[in-house]
Amino acid sequence: MVDFLSQLQQLYQYIQVQENKIIQLENIVKKLTAEVETLKSKPPIHVDRIEYAFDQLKIEQLDGTLNIGLNPSDLGNIEDLAVNKGPTQAKQENQTVAAKKPLTERLLHYIDHDLSTVIKDAERQFKLPLNAEYHDFIKSDLKNQLEQRINYYLNQRDQTSQANDEDLINTVFQQIKDDIDHAVYTFIAKLPNNINGGPNNGT
């Protein structure tokens, strides 16, 4: 008899535990259902197609590229090297390899620390303030193109050029910096006036 009562008590306790769990699950379901209904009642967020044309650049829902300088089609053969390499060409190739790292570091520093001033100046000029997400988008997109643009300019040098490493780095840095600044101004100039401060404003 004692064992039977003990088993009944354990069964009763087990049922209570299960009932409590069921109540908790019901509360969770009610909460989730309310959240779903709230989300359904909100108007859907829609970002219109954004197009701007410089260097054949298109952005649709913030997908795309701010092309620095020339068109991507100009970059097809920048890695081609002649089979017969004379002393001058060999020296230039060594310069190219040596220049890539410091150039990349200087340009990354410029984008991270100085480009915000260029963006804000363009915003004031075109009376089109952008939010921080747009700033980050511009910087990220430009960074993704640095290696390609560095390779392009290093391989566009005059084959008879005798510039030393420092002169080469300074020259290419200034070229790409000018391209970056121009790309930012053109990008902001081509944005629609109703962008209202950023890519995620729902317009």
C-alpha atoms as a PDB file:
ATOM      1  CA  MET A   1       0.000   0.000   0.000  1.00  0.00           C
ATOM      2  CA  VAL A   2       2.821   2.342   0.886  1.00  0.00           C
ATOM      3  CA  ASP A   3       4.519   1.669  -2.437  1.00  0.00           C
ATOM      4  CA  PHE A   4       1.283   2.336  -4.309  1.00  0.00           C
ATOM      5  CA  LEU A   5       0.763   5.685  -2.557  1.00  0.00           C
ATOM      6  CA  SER A   6       4.365   6.585  -3.224  1.00  0.00           C
ATOM      7  CA  GLN A   7       3.953   5.833  -6.911  1.00  0.00           C
ATOM      8  CA  LEU A   8       0.745   7.886  -7.037  1.00  0.00           C
ATOM      9  CA  GLN A   9       2.560  10.831  -5.440  1.00  0.00           C
ATOM     10  CA  GLN A  10       5.397  10.546  -7.950  1.00  0.00           C
ATOM     11  CA  LEU A  11       2.895  10.346 -10.791  1.00  0.00           C
ATOM     12  CA  TYR A  12       1.062  13.386  -9.450  1.00  0.00           C
ATOM     13  CA  GLN A  13       4.327  15.339  -9.188  1.00  0.00           C
ATOM     14  CA  TYR A  14       5.289  14.299 -12.719  1.00  0.00           C
ATOM     15  CA  ILE A  15       1.897  15.436 -14.023  1.00  0.00           C
ATOM     16  CA  GLN A  16       2.329  18.786 -12.275  1.00  0.00           C
ATOM     17  CA  VAL A  17       5.740  19.253 -13.822  1.00  0.00           C
ATOM     18  CA  GLN A  18       4.347  18.454 -17.265  1.00  0.00           C
ATOM     19  CA  GLU A  19       1.434  20.837 -16.740  1.00  0.00           C
ATOM     20  CA  ASN A  20       3.846  23.625 -15.822  1.00  0.00           C
ATOM     21  CA  LYS A  21       5.878  22.929 -18.947  1.00  0.00           C
ATOM     22  CA  ILE A  22       2.736  22.983 -21.059  1.00  0.00           C
ATOM     23  CA  ILE A  23       1.738  26.343 -19.557  1.00  0.00           C
ATOM     24  CA  GLN A  24       5.218  27.731 -20.299  1.00  0.00           C
ATOM     25  CA  LEU A  25       5.053  26.481 -23.878  1.00  0.00           C
ATOM     26  CA  GLU A  26       1.589  27.966 -24.332  1.00  0.00           C
ATOM     27  CA  ASN A  27       2.870  31.324 -23.090  1.00  0.00           C
ATOM     28  CA  ILE A  28       5.788  31.155 -25.523  1.00  0.00           C
ATOM     29  CA  VAL A  29       3.452  30.314 -28.399  1.00  0.00           C
ATOM     30  CA  LYS A  30       1.186  33.229 -27.485  1.00  0.00           C
ATOM     31  CA  LYS A  31       4.164  35.592 -27.370  1.00  0.00           C
ATOM     32  CA  LEU A  32       5.508  34.398 -30.715  1.00  0.00           C
ATOM     33  CA  THR A  33       2.057  34.620 -32.272  1.00  0.00           C
ATOM     34  CA  ALA A  34       1.721  38.218 -31.049  1.00  0.00           C
ATOM     35  CA  GLU A  35       5.140  39.098 -32.486  1.00  0.00           C
ATOM     36  CA  VAL A  36       4.245  37.547 -35.838  1.00  0.00           C
ATOM     37  CA  GLU A  37       0.987  39.514 -35.952  1.00  0.00           C
ATOM     38  CA  THR A  38       2.888  42.698 -35.117  1.00  0.00           C
ATOM     39  CA  LEU A  39       5.363  42.063 -37.920  1.00  0.00           C
ATOM     40  CA  LYS A  40       2.533  41.334 -40.347  1.00  0.00           C
ATOM     41  CA  SER A  41       0.879  44.639 -39.507  1.00  0.00           C
ATOM     42  CA  LYS A  42       4.008  46.636 -40.377  1.00  0.00           C
ATOM     43  CA  PRO A  43       4.453  47.766 -43.974  1.00  0.00           C
ATOM     44  CA  PRO A  44       7.150  45.830 -45.824  1.00  0.00           C
ATOM     45  CA  ILE A  45      10.528  47.486 -46.211  1.00  0.00           C
ATOM     46  CA  HIS A  46      11.409  48.121 -49.824  1.00  0.00           C
ATOM     47  CA  VAL A  47      14.592  49.609 -51.220  1.00  0.00           C
ATOM     48  CA  ASP A  48      14.108  50.980 -54.695  1.00  0.00           C
ATOM     49  CA  ARG A  49      16.557  50.216 -57.438  1.00  0.00           C
ATOM     50  CA  ILE A  50      19.488  52.608 -57.215  1.00  0.00           C
ATOM     51  CA  GLU A  51      21.485  53.264 -60.350  1.00  0.00           C
ATOM     52  CA  TYR A  52      24.283  55.674 -60.965  1.00  0.00           C
ATOM     53  CA  ALA A  53      26.600  55.647 -63.920  1.00  0.00           C
ATOM     54  CA  PHE A  54      30.243  56.423 -63.666  1.00  0.00           C
ATOM     55  CA  ASP A  55      32.754  54.020 -65.058  1.00  0.00           C
ATOM     56  CA  GLN A  56      29.800  51.745 -65.891  1.00  0.00           C
ATOM     57  CA  LEU A  57      28.924  51.480 -62.188  1.00  0.00           C
ATOM     58  CA  LYS A  58      25.535  50.190 -61.122  1.00  0.00           C
ATOM     59  CA  ILE A  59      24.202  49.490 -57.632  1.00  0.00           C
ATOM     60  CA  GLU A  60      20.966  47.631 -57.079  1.00  0.00           C
ATOM     61  CA  GLN A  61      19.947  47.241 -53.456  1.00  0.00           C
ATOM     62  CA  LEU A  62      23.481  48.184 -52.448  1.00  0.00           C
ATOM     63  CA  ASP A  63      25.098  45.504 -54.579  1.00  0.00           C
ATOM     64  CA  GLY A  64      27.804  46.740 -56.894  1.00  0.00           C
ATOM     65  CA  THR A  65      31.138  48.436 -56.946  1.00  0.00           C
ATOM     66  CA  LEU A  66      32.478  51.957 -56.807  1.00  0.00           C
ATOM     67  CA  ASN A  67      34.947  51.607 -59.630  1.00  0.00           C
ATOM     68  CA  ILE A  68      38.134  53.476 -58.879  1.00  0.00           C
ATOM     69  CA  GLY A  69      39.511  55.153 -61.969  1.00  0.00           C
ATOM     70  CA  LEU A  70      39.142  53.280 -65.263  1.00  0.00           C
ATOM     71  CA  ASN A  71      36.604  50.648 -66.264  1.00  0.00           C
ATOM     72  CA  PRO A  72      37.013  47.038 -65.114  1.00  0.00           C
ATOM     73  CA  SER A  73      37.446  46.084 -68.772  1.00  0.00           C
ATOM     74  CA  ASP A  74      40.764  47.939 -68.725  1.00  0.00           C
ATOM     75  CA  LEU A  75      42.129  45.494 -66.201  1.00  0.00           C
ATOM     76  CA  GLY A  76      42.033  42.320 -68.282  1.00  0.00           C
ATOM     77  CA  ASN A  77      45.729  41.942 -68.990  1.00  0.00           C
ATOM     78  CA  ILE A  78      47.445  43.786 -66.185  1.00  0.00           C
ATOM     79  CA  GLU A  79      49.192  40.630 -65.001  1.00  0.00           C
ATOM     80  CA  ASP A  80      50.650  39.744 -68.401  1.00  0.00           C
ATOM     81  CA  LEU A  81      54.442  39.661 -68.365  1.00  0.00           C
ATOM     82  CA  ALA A  82      56.790  39.409 -71.305  1.00  0.00           C
ATOM     83  CA  VAL A  83      58.566  36.097 -71.825  1.00  0.00           C
ATOM     84  CA  ASN A  84      61.956  37.675 -72.456  1.00  0.00           C
ATOM     85  CA  LYS A  85      62.737  39.928 -69.522  1.00  0.00           C
ATOM     86  CA  GLY A  86      65.539  42.419 -69.822  1.00  0.00           C
ATOM     87  CA  PRO A  87      67.333  44.001 -66.853  1.00  0.00           C
ATOM     88  CA  THR A  88      65.029  47.027 -66.837  1.00  0.00           C
ATOM     89  CA  GLN A  89      61.874  44.913 -66.815  1.00  0.00           C
ATOM     90  CA  ALA A  90      63.251  42.643 -64.110  1.00  0.00           C
ATOM     91  CA  LYS A  91      64.042  45.702 -61.995  1.00  0.00           C
ATOM     92  CA  GLN A  92      60.544  47.056 -62.514  1.00  0.00           C
ATOM     93  CA  GLU A  93      58.994  43.753 -61.485  1.00  0.00           C
ATOM     94  CA  ASN A  94      61.057  43.800 -58.309  1.00  0.00           C
ATOM     95  CA  GLN A  95      59.901  47.365 -57.669  1.00  0.00           C
ATOM     96  CA  THR A  96      56.306  46.299 -58.234  1.00  0.00           C
ATOM     97  CA  VAL A  97      56.528  43.535 -55.641  1.00  0.00           C
ATOM     98  CA  ALA A  98      58.294  45.813 -53.158  1.00  0.00           C
ATOM     99  CA  ALA A  99      55.797  48.650 -53.652  1.00  0.00           C
ATOM    100  CA  LYS A 100      52.576  46.706 -53.146  1.00  0.00           C
ATOM    101  CA  LYS A 101      52.685  46.360 -49.363  1.00  0.00           C
ATOM    102  CA  PRO A 102      53.512  49.987 -48.474  1.00  0.00           C
ATOM    103  CA  LEU A 103      51.058  51.231 -51.091  1.00  0.00           C
ATOM    104  CA  THR A 104      48.297  49.052 -49.682  1.00  0.00           C
ATOM    105  CA  GLU A 105      49.044  50.199 -46.128  1.00  0.00           C
ATOM    106  CA  ARG A 106      49.044  53.886 -47.081  1.00  0.00           C
ATOM    107  CA  LEU A 107      45.827  53.624 -49.058  1.00  0.00           C
ATOM    108  CA  LEU A 108      44.059  51.654 -46.315  1.00  0.00           C
ATOM    109  CA  HIS A 109      45.141  54.293 -43.809  1.00  0.00           C
ATOM    110  CA  TYR A 110      43.828  57.006 -46.128  1.00  0.00           C
ATOM    111  CA  ILE A 111      40.444  55.290 -46.487  1.00  0.00           C
ATOM    112  CA  ASP A 112      40.130  54.595 -42.751  1.00  0.00           C
ATOM    113  CA  HIS A 113      41.310  57.963 -41.447  1.00  0.00           C
ATOM    114  CA  ASP A 114      40.951  60.619 -44.157  1.00  0.00           C
ATOM    115  CA  LEU A 115      38.195  59.557 -46.526  1.00  0.00           C
ATOM    116  CA  SER A 116      35.413  60.571 -44.126  1.00  0.00           C
ATOM    117  CA  THR A 117      36.412  64.198 -44.700  1.00  0.00           C
ATOM    118  CA  VAL A 118      36.057  63.726 -48.469  1.00  0.00           C
ATOM    119  CA  ILE A 119      32.656  62.051 -48.047  1.00  0.00           C
ATOM    120  CA  LYS A 120      31.371  64.810 -45.753  1.00  0.00           C
ATOM    121  CA  ASP A 121      32.626  67.482 -48.118  1.00  0.00           C
ATOM    122  CA  ALA A 122      30.770  65.797 -50.983  1.00  0.00           C
ATOM    123  CA  GLU A 123      27.649  65.539 -48.807  1.00  0.00           C
ATOM    124  CA  ARG A 124      27.777  69.282 -48.135  1.00  0.00           C
ATOM    125  CA  GLN A 125      28.451  70.092 -51.775  1.00  0.00           C
ATOM    126  CA  PHE A 126      25.492  68.057 -53.035  1.00  0.00           C
ATOM    127  CA  LYS A 127      23.308  68.711 -49.965  1.00  0.00           C
ATOM    128  CA  LEU A 128      22.809  65.005 -49.454  1.00  0.00           C
ATOM    129  CA  PRO A 129      23.687  63.745 -45.954  1.00  0.00           C
ATOM    130  CA  LEU A 130      24.292  60.013 -45.711  1.00  0.00           C
ATOM    131  CA  ASN A 131      24.168  57.799 -42.660  1.00  0.00           C
ATOM    132  CA  ALA A 132      27.068  55.816 -41.216  1.00  0.00           C
ATOM    133  CA  GLU A 133      26.033  52.651 -43.067  1.00  0.00           C
ATOM    134  CA  TYR A 134      26.556  54.386 -46.406  1.00  0.00           C
ATOM    135  CA  HIS A 135      29.967  55.620 -45.264  1.00  0.00           C
ATOM    136  CA  ASP A 136      30.949  52.071 -44.305  1.00  0.00           C
ATOM    137  CA  PHE A 137      29.624  50.728 -47.609  1.00  0.00           C
ATOM    138  CA  ILE A 138      31.709  53.204 -49.610  1.00  0.00           C
ATOM    139  CA  LYS A 139      34.883  52.484 -47.646  1.00  0.00           C
ATOM    140  CA  SER A 140      34.444  48.717 -47.811  1.00  0.00           C
ATOM    141  CA  ASP A 141      33.808  48.767 -51.541  1.00  0.00           C
ATOM    142  CA  LEU A 142      36.877  50.893 -52.202  1.00  0.00           C
ATOM    143  CA  LYS A 143      39.075  48.658 -50.056  1.00  0.00           C
ATOM    144  CA  ASN A 144      37.996  45.631 -52.052  1.00  0.00           C
ATOM    145  CA  GLN A 145      39.388  47.223 -55.209  1.00  0.00           C
ATOM    146  CA  LEU A 146      42.748  48.390 -53.889  1.00  0.00           C
ATOM    147  CA  GLU A 147      44.789  45.364 -54.935  1.00  0.00           C
ATOM    148  CA  GLN A 148      43.356  45.485 -58.452  1.00  0.00           C
ATOM    149  CA  ARG A 149      44.016  49.205 -58.859  1.00  0.00           C
ATOM    150  CA  ILE A 150      47.536  48.986 -57.408  1.00  0.00           C
ATOM    151  CA  ASN A 151      48.382  46.211 -59.862  1.00  0.00           C
ATOM    152  CA  TYR A 152      46.910  48.228 -62.707  1.00  0.00           C
ATOM    153  CA  TYR A 153      48.917  51.392 -62.068  1.00  0.00           C
ATOM    154  CA  LEU A 154      52.146  49.570 -61.303  1.00  0.00           C
ATOM    155  CA  ASN A 155      51.874  47.726 -64.605  1.00  0.00           C
ATOM    156  CA  GLN A 156      51.020  50.895 -66.535  1.00  0.00           C
ATOM    157  CA  ARG A 157      54.438  52.457 -65.925  1.00  0.00           C
ATOM    158  CA  ASP A 158      56.656  53.470 -68.774  1.00  0.00           C
ATOM    159  CA  GLN A 159      58.975  50.554 -69.459  1.00  0.00           C
ATOM    160  CA  THR A 160      61.930  52.957 -69.481  1.00  0.00           C
ATOM    161  CA  SER A 161      61.024  54.527 -66.152  1.00  0.00           C
ATOM    162  CA  GLN A 162      63.935  54.752 -63.738  1.00  0.00           C
ATOM    163  CA  ALA A 163      61.927  55.977 -60.744  1.00  0.00           C
ATOM    164  CA  ASN A 164      63.167  54.799 -57.377  1.00  0.00           C
ATOM    165  CA  ASP A 165      60.933  52.867 -54.985  1.00  0.00           C
ATOM    166  CA  GLU A 166      59.842  55.885 -52.942  1.00  0.00           C
ATOM    167  CA  ASP A 167      59.007  57.981 -56.010  1.00  0.00           C
ATOM    168  CA  LEU A 168      57.036  55.093 -57.472  1.00  0.00           C
ATOM    169  CA  ILE A 169      55.049  54.602 -54.270  1.00  0.00           C
ATOM    170  CA  ASN A 170      54.281  58.316 -53.973  1.00  0.00           C
ATOM    171  CA  THR A 171      53.205  58.578 -57.618  1.00  0.00           C
ATOM    172  CA  VAL A 172      50.894  55.560 -57.575  1.00  0.00           C
ATOM    173  CA  PHE A 173      49.485  56.544 -54.171  1.00  0.00           C
ATOM    174  CA  GLN A 174      48.531  59.978 -55.503  1.00  0.00           C
ATOM    175  CA  GLN A 175      46.972  58.500 -58.644  1.00  0.00           C
ATOM    176  CA  ILE A 176      44.789  56.061 -56.722  1.00  0.00           C
ATOM    177  CA  LYS A 177      43.946  58.662 -54.058  1.00  0.00           C
ATOM    178  CA  ASP A 178      42.735  61.035 -56.780  1.00  0.00           C
ATOM    179  CA  ASP A 179      40.688  58.206 -58.320  1.00  0.00           C
ATOM    180  CA  ILE A 180      39.146  57.384 -54.939  1.00  0.00           C
ATOM    181  CA  ASP A 181      38.190  61.009 -54.260  1.00  0.00           C
ATOM    182  CA  HIS A 182      36.694  61.335 -57.737  1.00  0.00           C
ATOM    183  CA  ALA A 183      34.753  58.088 -57.305  1.00  0.00           C
ATOM    184  CA  VAL A 184      33.265  59.296 -54.004  1.00  0.00           C
ATOM    185  CA  TYR A 185      32.152  62.644 -55.443  1.00  0.00           C
ATOM    186  CA  THR A 186      30.651  61.028 -58.524  1.00  0.00           C
ATOM    187  CA  PHE A 187      28.916  58.351 -56.470  1.00  0.00           C
ATOM    188  CA  ILE A 188      27.235  60.863 -54.145  1.00  0.00           C
ATOM    189  CA  ALA A 189      26.387  63.215 -57.021  1.00  0.00           C
ATOM    190  CA  LYS A 190      24.465  60.427 -58.765  1.00  0.00           C
ATOM    191  CA  LEU A 191      22.452  59.331 -55.730  1.00  0.00           C
ATOM    192  CA  PRO A 192      18.725  60.176 -55.827  1.00  0.00           C
ATOM    193  CA  ASN A 193      17.779  63.205 -53.749  1.00  0.00           C
ATOM    194  CA  ASN A 194      15.216  61.218 -51.777  1.00  0.00           C
ATOM    195  CA  ILE A 195      17.767  58.830 -50.346  1.00  0.00           C
ATOM    196  CA  ASN A 196      17.205  60.538 -46.970  1.00  0.00           C
ATOM    197  CA  GLY A 197      20.439  59.692 -45.325  1.00  0.00           C
ATOM    198  CA  GLY A 198      21.146  56.093 -46.166  1.00  0.00           C
ATOM    199  CA  PRO A 199      20.517  52.753 -47.807  1.00  0.00           C
ATOM    200  CA  ASN A 200      18.180  51.315 -45.180  1.00  0.00           C
ATOM    201  CA  ASN A 201      15.623  54.067 -44.896  1.00  0.00           C
ATOM    202  CA  GLY A 202      12.887  52.063 -46.577  1.00  0.00           C
ATOM    203  CA  THR A 203      12.327  54.474 -49.457  1.00  0.00           C
END
